[in-house]
Amino acid sequence: MSGKNRVVEHKTTILAPAEAAYHIIANVTDWPRIFPPTVHVEYVEQNENEERIQIWATANGEAKTWTSRRVLRPRELRVDFRQEKSQSPVAAMGGAWVIEPISEARSLVRLLHDYRAENDDPEKLSWLDKAVDRNSKAELAALKLNAELAAGAADPVLTFEDTVRIDGRVADVFDFINECQLWAERLPHVAKVVLTEDNPGLQLLEMDTRTKDGSTHSTKSVRVCFPHTRIAYKQIEVPLLMSVHIGQWIFVAGPDGVDATSRHTVVINEANVTKLLGDTAVMADAKKFVREALGTNSLTTLEHAKKYAETGN
């Protein structure tokens, strides 16, 4: 017989209007950039105040995915959610985001959860307790940070993309990007790759990348693969100049070939700009540096994918 659901609450006070916090919570498409655990979100079904979404996220360092139904209540400044299709070790999970105005410029955000582990297993429940506590604290801290961003401050967000035209099959282009376990052999800027894919299409990629000066830096990413149209990813361990890096590889097949696009969204870590780029460096310098570094590697990868799809090598 099933036991009772665990019920927990996390909360924070933010120096921002309640409506600003609600807007962030309601707009799930921006969650990968804002919330550390969230890798990717897709709408499954959407109408005025109800929606079904699929979320890919990390929990206790593991990549997970689930489908949730959300009810948006803008007048009440509340969003209720309930998982419809959970992933082990979750048997049931739901809750609500509740925003309470304290003043015109200050609000209280409460994040409520109720959940139960598979078979009411104590070890699985302990795993869930840690995951819910860790992710809730990370999400509330990120919500507070983003809602409180001062108007007029230097915008730390950079979004850009590069596209290469390929005279080949979209399946071959997709395979080259999907088979990242081979990148150390195929790409000159990749020194080492470790790929884990316990669930098909949900990848954990650890990679060492060579820089211009010959040194290497390590990153860790969660990738969500949609054959043969796109691969969405989020770096969960990023270089010091970034606080967030999300992106997509997008493949559009046409009668004359494939348009392969690499799209990046980066949040610059402003605290490290002068440390890494010099005392006179500003946000624009950091964006230029990141644009060049990421764009060069992405275009190199796409050019090698082009050669592979067009020649088989």
C-alpha atoms as a PDB file:
ATOM      1  CA  MET A   1       0.000   0.000   0.000  1.00  0.00           C
ATOM      2  CA  SER A   2       1.335   3.436  -0.922  1.00  0.00           C
ATOM      3  CA  GLY A   3       2.478   5.730   1.822  1.00  0.00           C
ATOM      4  CA  LYS A   4       1.797   9.416   2.153  1.00  0.00           C
ATOM      5  CA  ASN A   5       3.501  11.959  -0.048  1.00  0.00           C
ATOM      6  CA  ARG A   6       6.390  13.917   1.406  1.00  0.00           C
ATOM      7  CA  VAL A   7       5.432  17.629   1.567  1.00  0.00           C
ATOM      8  CA  VAL A   8       8.157  20.303   1.612  1.00  0.00           C
ATOM      9  CA  GLU A   9       8.435  24.055   1.094  1.00  0.00           C
ATOM     10  CA  HIS A  10      11.315  26.290   0.038  1.00  0.00           C
ATOM     11  CA  LYS A  11      11.079  30.070  -0.102  1.00  0.00           C
ATOM     12  CA  THR A  12      12.991  33.263  -0.725  1.00  0.00           C
ATOM     13  CA  THR A  13      12.383  36.992  -0.608  1.00  0.00           C
ATOM     14  CA  ILE A  14      13.275  38.956  -3.722  1.00  0.00           C
ATOM     15  CA  LEU A  15      13.754  42.677  -4.237  1.00  0.00           C
ATOM     16  CA  ALA A  16      11.532  42.796  -7.297  1.00  0.00           C
ATOM     17  CA  PRO A  17       7.808  43.106  -8.051  1.00  0.00           C
ATOM     18  CA  ALA A  18       5.782  39.917  -7.787  1.00  0.00           C
ATOM     19  CA  GLU A  19       4.798  40.184 -11.458  1.00  0.00           C
ATOM     20  CA  ALA A  20       8.472  40.042 -12.498  1.00  0.00           C
ATOM     21  CA  ALA A  21       8.966  36.784 -10.611  1.00  0.00           C
ATOM     22  CA  TYR A  22       5.742  35.335 -12.009  1.00  0.00           C
ATOM     23  CA  HIS A  23       6.826  36.150 -15.573  1.00  0.00           C
ATOM     24  CA  ILE A  24      10.045  34.143 -15.148  1.00  0.00           C
ATOM     25  CA  ILE A  25       8.183  31.171 -13.686  1.00  0.00           C
ATOM     26  CA  ALA A  26       5.504  31.222 -16.374  1.00  0.00           C
ATOM     27  CA  ASN A  27       7.957  31.440 -19.297  1.00  0.00           C
ATOM     28  CA  VAL A  28       9.432  27.925 -19.314  1.00  0.00           C
ATOM     29  CA  THR A  29      11.206  28.352 -22.652  1.00  0.00           C
ATOM     30  CA  ASP A  30      13.750  30.573 -20.897  1.00  0.00           C
ATOM     31  CA  TRP A  31      14.334  28.179 -17.994  1.00  0.00           C
ATOM     32  CA  PRO A  32      17.477  26.533 -19.430  1.00  0.00           C
ATOM     33  CA  ARG A  33      19.200  29.926 -19.376  1.00  0.00           C
ATOM     34  CA  ILE A  34      17.913  30.881 -15.919  1.00  0.00           C
ATOM     35  CA  PHE A  35      17.619  27.724 -13.806  1.00  0.00           C
ATOM     36  CA  PRO A  36      20.806  25.667 -13.293  1.00  0.00           C
ATOM     37  CA  PRO A  37      19.099  22.218 -13.230  1.00  0.00           C
ATOM     38  CA  THR A  38      17.047  22.761 -16.417  1.00  0.00           C
ATOM     39  CA  VAL A  39      18.643  21.574 -19.657  1.00  0.00           C
ATOM     40  CA  HIS A  40      15.779  21.837 -22.159  1.00  0.00           C
ATOM     41  CA  VAL A  41      11.992  22.330 -22.213  1.00  0.00           C
ATOM     42  CA  GLU A  42       9.459  21.473 -24.921  1.00  0.00           C
ATOM     43  CA  TYR A  43       5.759  22.306 -25.051  1.00  0.00           C
ATOM     44  CA  VAL A  44       3.674  19.167 -25.630  1.00  0.00           C
ATOM     45  CA  GLU A  45       0.328  20.945 -25.438  1.00  0.00           C
ATOM     46  CA  GLN A  46      -0.565  24.553 -24.682  1.00  0.00           C
ATOM     47  CA  ASN A  47      -3.675  26.700 -24.291  1.00  0.00           C
ATOM     48  CA  GLU A  48      -4.489  29.906 -22.442  1.00  0.00           C
ATOM     49  CA  ASN A  49      -3.862  28.834 -18.844  1.00  0.00           C
ATOM     50  CA  GLU A  50      -2.973  25.131 -19.032  1.00  0.00           C
ATOM     51  CA  GLU A  51      -0.023  23.414 -20.644  1.00  0.00           C
ATOM     52  CA  ARG A  52       1.792  20.129 -20.831  1.00  0.00           C
ATOM     53  CA  ILE A  53       5.577  20.347 -21.004  1.00  0.00           C
ATOM     54  CA  GLN A  54       8.476  17.925 -21.181  1.00  0.00           C
ATOM     55  CA  ILE A  55      11.477  18.900 -19.103  1.00  0.00           C
ATOM     56  CA  TRP A  56      15.027  17.562 -19.324  1.00  0.00           C
ATOM     57  CA  ALA A  57      17.030  18.434 -16.210  1.00  0.00           C
ATOM     58  CA  THR A  58      19.702  17.245 -13.817  1.00  0.00           C
ATOM     59  CA  ALA A  59      18.962  15.816 -10.393  1.00  0.00           C
ATOM     60  CA  ASN A  60      21.800  14.836  -8.054  1.00  0.00           C
ATOM     61  CA  GLY A  61      24.124  14.926 -11.062  1.00  0.00           C
ATOM     62  CA  GLU A  62      21.956  12.580 -13.150  1.00  0.00           C
ATOM     63  CA  ALA A  63      20.135  13.536 -16.352  1.00  0.00           C
ATOM     64  CA  LYS A  64      16.369  13.011 -16.108  1.00  0.00           C
ATOM     65  CA  THR A  65      13.276  13.781 -18.165  1.00  0.00           C
ATOM     66  CA  TRP A  66       9.583  13.944 -17.307  1.00  0.00           C
ATOM     67  CA  THR A  67       6.275  15.332 -18.553  1.00  0.00           C
ATOM     68  CA  SER A  68       4.269  17.740 -16.400  1.00  0.00           C
ATOM     69  CA  ARG A  69       0.920  19.488 -16.600  1.00  0.00           C
ATOM     70  CA  ARG A  70       0.961  23.107 -15.437  1.00  0.00           C
ATOM     71  CA  VAL A  71      -1.947  25.402 -14.566  1.00  0.00           C
ATOM     72  CA  LEU A  72      -1.087  29.107 -14.782  1.00  0.00           C
ATOM     73  CA  ARG A  73      -3.015  31.455 -12.481  1.00  0.00           C
ATOM     74  CA  PRO A  74      -1.720  34.971 -13.275  1.00  0.00           C
ATOM     75  CA  ARG A  75      -4.320  36.758 -11.129  1.00  0.00           C
ATOM     76  CA  GLU A  76      -3.279  34.696  -8.120  1.00  0.00           C
ATOM     77  CA  LEU A  77       0.419  34.844  -9.064  1.00  0.00           C
ATOM     78  CA  ARG A  78       0.552  31.073  -8.829  1.00  0.00           C
ATOM     79  CA  VAL A  79       1.574  28.167 -11.079  1.00  0.00           C
ATOM     80  CA  ASP A  80       0.535  24.619 -10.131  1.00  0.00           C
ATOM     81  CA  PHE A  81       2.359  21.622 -11.605  1.00  0.00           C
ATOM     82  CA  ARG A  82       1.983  17.851 -11.550  1.00  0.00           C
ATOM     83  CA  GLN A  83       4.174  15.246 -13.236  1.00  0.00           C
ATOM     84  CA  GLU A  84       2.139  13.012 -15.543  1.00  0.00           C
ATOM     85  CA  LYS A  85       5.003  10.805 -16.664  1.00  0.00           C
ATOM     86  CA  SER A  86       7.774  10.544 -14.104  1.00  0.00           C
ATOM     87  CA  GLN A  87      11.160   8.852 -14.269  1.00  0.00           C
ATOM     88  CA  SER A  88      12.653   6.530 -11.665  1.00  0.00           C
ATOM     89  CA  PRO A  89      12.937   6.881  -8.704  1.00  0.00           C
ATOM     90  CA  VAL A  90       9.875   9.187  -8.698  1.00  0.00           C
ATOM     91  CA  ALA A  91       6.461   7.599  -8.183  1.00  0.00           C
ATOM     92  CA  ALA A  92       4.588  10.904  -7.939  1.00  0.00           C
ATOM     93  CA  MET A  93       5.591  14.570  -7.941  1.00  0.00           C
ATOM     94  CA  GLY A  94       3.704  17.854  -7.906  1.00  0.00           C
ATOM     95  CA  GLY A  95       3.551  21.241  -6.295  1.00  0.00           C
ATOM     96  CA  ALA A  96       3.236  24.954  -6.954  1.00  0.00           C
ATOM     97  CA  TRP A  97       5.076  28.218  -7.357  1.00  0.00           C
ATOM     98  CA  VAL A  98       3.352  30.844  -5.198  1.00  0.00           C
ATOM     99  CA  ILE A  99       4.331  34.522  -5.307  1.00  0.00           C
ATOM    100  CA  GLU A 100       3.127  36.847  -2.544  1.00  0.00           C
ATOM    101  CA  PRO A 101       3.611  40.624  -2.895  1.00  0.00           C
ATOM    102  CA  ILE A 102       5.168  42.224   0.189  1.00  0.00           C
ATOM    103  CA  SER A 103       5.315  45.692  -1.348  1.00  0.00           C
ATOM    104  CA  GLU A 104       5.421  47.147  -4.857  1.00  0.00           C
ATOM    105  CA  ALA A 105       9.119  46.291  -5.123  1.00  0.00           C
ATOM    106  CA  ARG A 106       9.449  43.255  -2.849  1.00  0.00           C
ATOM    107  CA  SER A 107       7.890  39.797  -2.890  1.00  0.00           C
ATOM    108  CA  LEU A 108       7.993  36.368  -1.293  1.00  0.00           C
ATOM    109  CA  VAL A 109       8.331  33.313  -3.534  1.00  0.00           C
ATOM    110  CA  ARG A 110       7.329  29.912  -2.151  1.00  0.00           C
ATOM    111  CA  LEU A 111       8.128  26.697  -3.996  1.00  0.00           C
ATOM    112  CA  LEU A 112       5.969  23.803  -2.803  1.00  0.00           C
ATOM    113  CA  HIS A 113       6.531  20.102  -3.519  1.00  0.00           C
ATOM    114  CA  ASP A 114       4.743  16.896  -2.664  1.00  0.00           C
ATOM    115  CA  TYR A 115       6.286  13.634  -3.813  1.00  0.00           C
ATOM    116  CA  ARG A 116       6.607   9.912  -3.261  1.00  0.00           C
ATOM    117  CA  ALA A 117       9.351   7.456  -4.178  1.00  0.00           C
ATOM    118  CA  GLU A 118       8.862   4.242  -6.142  1.00  0.00           C
ATOM    119  CA  ASN A 119       7.593   1.472  -3.880  1.00  0.00           C
ATOM    120  CA  ASP A 120       8.010   3.909  -0.968  1.00  0.00           C
ATOM    121  CA  ASP A 121      11.630   2.769  -0.874  1.00  0.00           C
ATOM    122  CA  PRO A 122      13.545   4.635   1.887  1.00  0.00           C
ATOM    123  CA  GLU A 123      16.768   4.901  -0.151  1.00  0.00           C
ATOM    124  CA  LYS A 124      14.908   6.259  -3.162  1.00  0.00           C
ATOM    125  CA  LEU A 125      13.048   8.689  -0.930  1.00  0.00           C
ATOM    126  CA  SER A 126      16.360   9.903   0.482  1.00  0.00           C
ATOM    127  CA  TRP A 127      17.634  10.437  -3.075  1.00  0.00           C
ATOM    128  CA  LEU A 128      14.488  12.427  -3.842  1.00  0.00           C
ATOM    129  CA  ASP A 129      14.799  14.515  -0.672  1.00  0.00           C
ATOM    130  CA  LYS A 130      18.302  15.571  -1.698  1.00  0.00           C
ATOM    131  CA  ALA A 131      17.335  16.253  -5.325  1.00  0.00           C
ATOM    132  CA  VAL A 132      14.291  18.347  -4.444  1.00  0.00           C
ATOM    133  CA  ASP A 133      16.194  20.313  -1.811  1.00  0.00           C
ATOM    134  CA  ARG A 134      19.219  20.945  -4.039  1.00  0.00           C
ATOM    135  CA  ASN A 135      17.232  21.888  -7.159  1.00  0.00           C
ATOM    136  CA  SER A 136      14.719  24.035  -5.265  1.00  0.00           C
ATOM    137  CA  LYS A 137      17.460  26.082  -3.622  1.00  0.00           C
ATOM    138  CA  ALA A 138      19.279  26.488  -6.956  1.00  0.00           C
ATOM    139  CA  GLU A 139      16.093  27.550  -8.751  1.00  0.00           C
ATOM    140  CA  LEU A 140      15.070  30.055  -6.086  1.00  0.00           C
ATOM    141  CA  ALA A 141      18.550  31.579  -6.021  1.00  0.00           C
ATOM    142  CA  ALA A 142      18.514  31.896  -9.822  1.00  0.00           C
ATOM    143  CA  LEU A 143      15.020  33.367  -9.770  1.00  0.00           C
ATOM    144  CA  LYS A 144      16.109  35.931  -7.194  1.00  0.00           C
ATOM    145  CA  LEU A 145      19.224  36.848  -9.190  1.00  0.00           C
ATOM    146  CA  ASN A 146      17.409  37.282 -12.490  1.00  0.00           C
ATOM    147  CA  ALA A 147      14.409  39.122 -11.051  1.00  0.00           C
ATOM    148  CA  GLU A 148      16.683  41.545  -9.220  1.00  0.00           C
ATOM    149  CA  LEU A 149      18.932  42.399 -12.180  1.00  0.00           C
ATOM    150  CA  ALA A 150      19.287  46.178 -12.108  1.00  0.00           C
ATOM    151  CA  ALA A 151      17.747  48.065 -14.985  1.00  0.00           C
ATOM    152  CA  GLY A 152      20.415  49.572 -17.184  1.00  0.00           C
ATOM    153  CA  ALA A 153      23.140  47.181 -16.057  1.00  0.00           C
ATOM    154  CA  ALA A 154      25.381  45.723 -18.772  1.00  0.00           C
ATOM    155  CA  ASP A 155      23.436  42.904 -20.424  1.00  0.00           C
ATOM    156  CA  PRO A 156      25.417  39.695 -19.811  1.00  0.00           C
ATOM    157  CA  VAL A 157      23.482  37.590 -22.356  1.00  0.00           C
ATOM    158  CA  LEU A 158      24.979  36.783 -25.761  1.00  0.00           C
ATOM    159  CA  THR A 159      23.096  34.821 -28.442  1.00  0.00           C
ATOM    160  CA  PHE A 160      24.490  34.020 -31.886  1.00  0.00           C
ATOM    161  CA  GLU A 161      24.495  31.322 -34.549  1.00  0.00           C
ATOM    162  CA  ASP A 162      26.503  30.093 -37.538  1.00  0.00           C
ATOM    163  CA  THR A 163      25.175  28.079 -40.480  1.00  0.00           C
ATOM    164  CA  VAL A 164      26.941  25.858 -43.010  1.00  0.00           C
ATOM    165  CA  ARG A 165      25.356  24.577 -46.212  1.00  0.00           C
ATOM    166  CA  ILE A 166      25.987  20.867 -46.773  1.00  0.00           C
ATOM    167  CA  ASP A 167      25.425  18.887 -49.968  1.00  0.00           C
ATOM    168  CA  GLY A 168      24.593  15.610 -48.269  1.00  0.00           C
ATOM    169  CA  ARG A 169      22.013  13.612 -46.326  1.00  0.00           C
ATOM    170  CA  VAL A 170      20.623  15.080 -43.121  1.00  0.00           C
ATOM    171  CA  ALA A 171      21.017  11.703 -41.397  1.00  0.00           C
ATOM    172  CA  ASP A 172      24.775  11.785 -42.013  1.00  0.00           C
ATOM    173  CA  VAL A 173      25.115  15.342 -40.713  1.00  0.00           C
ATOM    174  CA  PHE A 174      23.100  14.482 -37.633  1.00  0.00           C
ATOM    175  CA  ASP A 175      25.132  11.329 -37.017  1.00  0.00           C
ATOM    176  CA  PHE A 176      28.401  13.265 -37.047  1.00  0.00           C
ATOM    177  CA  ILE A 177      27.184  15.621 -34.302  1.00  0.00           C
ATOM    178  CA  ASN A 178      25.375  12.870 -32.414  1.00  0.00           C
ATOM    179  CA  GLU A 179      28.382  10.521 -32.361  1.00  0.00           C
ATOM    180  CA  CYS A 180      30.427  12.851 -30.169  1.00  0.00           C
ATOM    181  CA  GLN A 181      32.290   9.900 -28.642  1.00  0.00           C
ATOM    182  CA  LEU A 182      34.343   9.982 -31.886  1.00  0.00           C
ATOM    183  CA  TRP A 183      35.150  13.689 -31.807  1.00  0.00           C
ATOM    184  CA  ALA A 184      38.649  13.273 -30.365  1.00  0.00           C
ATOM    185  CA  GLU A 185      39.502  11.339 -33.541  1.00  0.00           C
ATOM    186  CA  ARG A 186      37.525  13.567 -35.903  1.00  0.00           C
ATOM    187  CA  LEU A 187      37.999  17.144 -34.620  1.00  0.00           C
ATOM    188  CA  PRO A 188      41.344  18.947 -34.158  1.00  0.00           C
ATOM    189  CA  HIS A 189      40.188  21.038 -31.181  1.00  0.00           C
ATOM    190  CA  VAL A 190      38.879  18.086 -29.135  1.00  0.00           C
ATOM    191  CA  ALA A 191      41.457  16.353 -26.938  1.00  0.00           C
ATOM    192  CA  LYS A 192      39.301  13.906 -24.968  1.00  0.00           C
ATOM    193  CA  VAL A 193      35.677  12.768 -24.828  1.00  0.00           C
ATOM    194  CA  VAL A 194      33.743  10.628 -22.364  1.00  0.00           C
ATOM    195  CA  LEU A 195      30.131   9.954 -23.379  1.00  0.00           C
ATOM    196  CA  THR A 196      27.460   8.351 -21.184  1.00  0.00           C
ATOM    197  CA  GLU A 197      24.069   7.526 -22.715  1.00  0.00           C
ATOM    198  CA  ASP A 198      22.053   5.350 -20.337  1.00  0.00           C
ATOM    199  CA  ASN A 199      18.796   6.437 -22.003  1.00  0.00           C
ATOM    200  CA  PRO A 200      18.781   6.724 -25.826  1.00  0.00           C
ATOM    201  CA  GLY A 201      18.928  10.354 -26.872  1.00  0.00           C
ATOM    202  CA  LEU A 202      19.836  11.678 -23.432  1.00  0.00           C
ATOM    203  CA  GLN A 203      23.604  12.109 -23.267  1.00  0.00           C
ATOM    204  CA  LEU A 204      26.124  13.211 -20.667  1.00  0.00           C
ATOM    205  CA  LEU A 205      29.187  14.528 -22.504  1.00  0.00           C
ATOM    206  CA  GLU A 206      32.507  15.259 -20.783  1.00  0.00           C
ATOM    207  CA  MET A 207      35.031  16.896 -23.084  1.00  0.00           C
ATOM    208  CA  ASP A 208      38.489  18.454 -23.036  1.00  0.00           C
ATOM    209  CA  THR A 209      38.874  21.184 -25.662  1.00  0.00           C
ATOM    210  CA  ARG A 210      42.155  22.661 -26.927  1.00  0.00           C
ATOM    211  CA  THR A 211      42.537  26.440 -26.937  1.00  0.00           C
ATOM    212  CA  LYS A 212      44.688  28.655 -29.181  1.00  0.00           C
ATOM    213  CA  ASP A 213      47.598  28.655 -26.746  1.00  0.00           C
ATOM    214  CA  GLY A 214      47.703  24.853 -26.660  1.00  0.00           C
ATOM    215  CA  SER A 215      46.137  24.449 -23.230  1.00  0.00           C
ATOM    216  CA  THR A 216      42.902  22.554 -22.654  1.00  0.00           C
ATOM    217  CA  HIS A 217      39.742  23.272 -20.696  1.00  0.00           C
ATOM    218  CA  SER A 218      37.161  20.759 -19.513  1.00  0.00           C
ATOM    219  CA  THR A 219      33.407  20.998 -19.877  1.00  0.00           C
ATOM    220  CA  LYS A 220      30.491  18.751 -19.036  1.00  0.00           C
ATOM    221  CA  SER A 221      27.203  18.921 -20.954  1.00  0.00           C
ATOM    222  CA  VAL A 222      23.807  17.258 -20.980  1.00  0.00           C
ATOM    223  CA  ARG A 223      22.524  16.765 -24.534  1.00  0.00           C
ATOM    224  CA  VAL A 224      18.977  15.981 -25.703  1.00  0.00           C
ATOM    225  CA  CYS A 225      18.899  14.480 -29.194  1.00  0.00           C
ATOM    226  CA  PHE A 226      15.947  14.673 -31.612  1.00  0.00           C
ATOM    227  CA  PRO A 227      16.837  12.642 -34.746  1.00  0.00           C
ATOM    228  CA  HIS A 228      17.369  14.080 -37.345  1.00  0.00           C
ATOM    229  CA  THR A 229      16.315  17.640 -36.600  1.00  0.00           C
ATOM    230  CA  ARG A 230      18.252  19.006 -33.616  1.00  0.00           C
ATOM    231  CA  ILE A 231      20.399  18.406 -30.559  1.00  0.00           C
ATOM    232  CA  ALA A 232      19.828  20.712 -27.579  1.00  0.00           C
ATOM    233  CA  TYR A 233      22.439  20.926 -24.852  1.00  0.00           C
ATOM    234  CA  LYS A 234      23.452  22.686 -21.680  1.00  0.00           C
ATOM    235  CA  GLN A 235      26.920  22.839 -20.193  1.00  0.00           C
ATOM    236  CA  ILE A 236      26.681  21.956 -16.509  1.00  0.00           C
ATOM    237  CA  GLU A 237      30.390  22.649 -16.041  1.00  0.00           C
ATOM    238  CA  VAL A 238      31.424  25.805 -17.901  1.00  0.00           C
ATOM    239  CA  PRO A 239      34.633  27.803 -18.478  1.00  0.00           C
ATOM    240  CA  LEU A 240      35.264  30.605 -15.976  1.00  0.00           C
ATOM    241  CA  LEU A 241      34.208  33.397 -18.318  1.00  0.00           C
ATOM    242  CA  MET A 242      30.656  32.018 -18.509  1.00  0.00           C
ATOM    243  CA  SER A 243      28.001  31.357 -15.908  1.00  0.00           C
ATOM    244  CA  VAL A 244      25.585  29.740 -18.396  1.00  0.00           C
ATOM    245  CA  HIS A 245      26.053  28.154 -21.809  1.00  0.00           C
ATOM    246  CA  ILE A 246      23.155  26.524 -23.666  1.00  0.00           C
ATOM    247  CA  GLY A 247      22.822  25.772 -27.339  1.00  0.00           C
ATOM    248  CA  GLN A 248      21.386  23.752 -30.184  1.00  0.00           C
ATOM    249  CA  TRP A 249      22.623  22.005 -33.278  1.00  0.00           C
ATOM    250  CA  ILE A 250      19.823  22.442 -35.841  1.00  0.00           C
ATOM    251  CA  PHE A 251      19.500  20.462 -39.090  1.00  0.00           C
ATOM    252  CA  VAL A 252      17.104  21.594 -41.832  1.00  0.00           C
ATOM    253  CA  ALA A 253      16.886  19.343 -44.885  1.00  0.00           C
ATOM    254  CA  GLY A 254      15.887  20.776 -48.255  1.00  0.00           C
ATOM    255  CA  PRO A 255      15.879  19.690 -51.899  1.00  0.00           C
ATOM    256  CA  ASP A 256      19.423  21.000 -52.385  1.00  0.00           C
ATOM    257  CA  GLY A 257      21.047  19.764 -49.194  1.00  0.00           C
ATOM    258  CA  VAL A 258      21.131  20.555 -45.491  1.00  0.00           C
ATOM    259  CA  ASP A 259      21.440  23.796 -43.559  1.00  0.00           C
ATOM    260  CA  ALA A 260      23.330  22.900 -40.364  1.00  0.00           C
ATOM    261  CA  THR A 261      23.271  25.591 -37.681  1.00  0.00           C
ATOM    262  CA  SER A 262      25.084  25.949 -34.378  1.00  0.00           C
ATOM    263  CA  ARG A 263      23.219  28.286 -32.000  1.00  0.00           C
ATOM    264  CA  HIS A 264      24.648  29.498 -28.681  1.00  0.00           C
ATOM    265  CA  THR A 265      23.230  31.444 -25.753  1.00  0.00           C
ATOM    266  CA  VAL A 266      25.792  32.472 -23.152  1.00  0.00           C
ATOM    267  CA  VAL A 267      25.572  34.424 -19.908  1.00  0.00           C
ATOM    268  CA  ILE A 268      28.903  36.118 -19.232  1.00  0.00           C
ATOM    269  CA  ASN A 269      30.285  35.770 -15.705  1.00  0.00           C
ATOM    270  CA  GLU A 270      30.874  39.472 -15.115  1.00  0.00           C
ATOM    271  CA  ALA A 271      32.920  38.841 -11.962  1.00  0.00           C
ATOM    272  CA  ASN A 272      35.619  37.116 -14.027  1.00  0.00           C
ATOM    273  CA  VAL A 273      35.874  39.498 -16.991  1.00  0.00           C
ATOM    274  CA  THR A 274      38.809  41.571 -15.731  1.00  0.00           C
ATOM    275  CA  LYS A 275      40.437  38.574 -14.029  1.00  0.00           C
ATOM    276  CA  LEU A 276      40.645  36.694 -17.313  1.00  0.00           C
ATOM    277  CA  LEU A 277      40.845  39.431 -19.949  1.00  0.00           C
ATOM    278  CA  GLY A 278      42.719  42.243 -18.169  1.00  0.00           C
ATOM    279  CA  ASP A 279      41.949  45.235 -15.976  1.00  0.00           C
ATOM    280  CA  THR A 280      40.501  47.341 -18.784  1.00  0.00           C
ATOM    281  CA  ALA A 281      38.207  44.650 -20.196  1.00  0.00           C
ATOM    282  CA  VAL A 282      34.462  45.295 -20.253  1.00  0.00           C
ATOM    283  CA  MET A 283      31.380  43.232 -21.072  1.00  0.00           C
ATOM    284  CA  ALA A 284      31.696  43.907 -24.803  1.00  0.00           C
ATOM    285  CA  ASP A 285      35.247  42.506 -24.774  1.00  0.00           C
ATOM    286  CA  ALA A 286      34.074  39.362 -23.035  1.00  0.00           C
ATOM    287  CA  LYS A 287      31.268  38.855 -25.544  1.00  0.00           C
ATOM    288  CA  LYS A 288      33.667  39.315 -28.449  1.00  0.00           C
ATOM    289  CA  PHE A 289      36.116  36.813 -26.941  1.00  0.00           C
ATOM    290  CA  VAL A 290      33.401  34.199 -26.304  1.00  0.00           C
ATOM    291  CA  ARG A 291      31.823  34.749 -29.733  1.00  0.00           C
ATOM    292  CA  GLU A 292      35.147  34.115 -31.444  1.00  0.00           C
ATOM    293  CA  ALA A 293      36.105  31.102 -29.334  1.00  0.00           C
ATOM    294  CA  LEU A 294      32.765  29.297 -29.511  1.00  0.00           C
ATOM    295  CA  GLY A 295      32.085  30.300 -33.099  1.00  0.00           C
ATOM    296  CA  THR A 296      35.476  29.048 -34.279  1.00  0.00           C
ATOM    297  CA  ASN A 297      34.988  25.643 -32.642  1.00  0.00           C
ATOM    298  CA  SER A 298      31.399  25.317 -33.879  1.00  0.00           C
ATOM    299  CA  LEU A 299      32.299  26.211 -37.457  1.00  0.00           C
ATOM    300  CA  THR A 300      35.216  23.774 -37.350  1.00  0.00           C
ATOM    301  CA  THR A 301      32.823  21.046 -36.208  1.00  0.00           C
ATOM    302  CA  LEU A 302      30.286  21.916 -38.921  1.00  0.00           C
ATOM    303  CA  GLU A 303      32.960  21.976 -41.627  1.00  0.00           C
ATOM    304  CA  HIS A 304      34.094  18.499 -40.599  1.00  0.00           C
ATOM    305  CA  ALA A 305      30.458  17.355 -40.555  1.00  0.00           C
ATOM    306  CA  LYS A 306      30.148  18.771 -44.074  1.00  0.00           C
ATOM    307  CA  LYS A 307      33.169  16.824 -45.268  1.00  0.00           C
ATOM    308  CA  TYR A 308      31.863  13.638 -43.615  1.00  0.00           C
ATOM    309  CA  ALA A 309      28.391  13.985 -45.180  1.00  0.00           C
ATOM    310  CA  GLU A 310      29.702  14.910 -48.621  1.00  0.00           C
ATOM    311  CA  THR A 311      32.620  12.478 -48.918  1.00  0.00           C
ATOM    312  CA  GLY A 312      32.111   9.840 -46.227  1.00  0.00           C
ATOM    313  CA  ASN A 313      35.398  10.794 -44.528  1.00  0.00           C
END
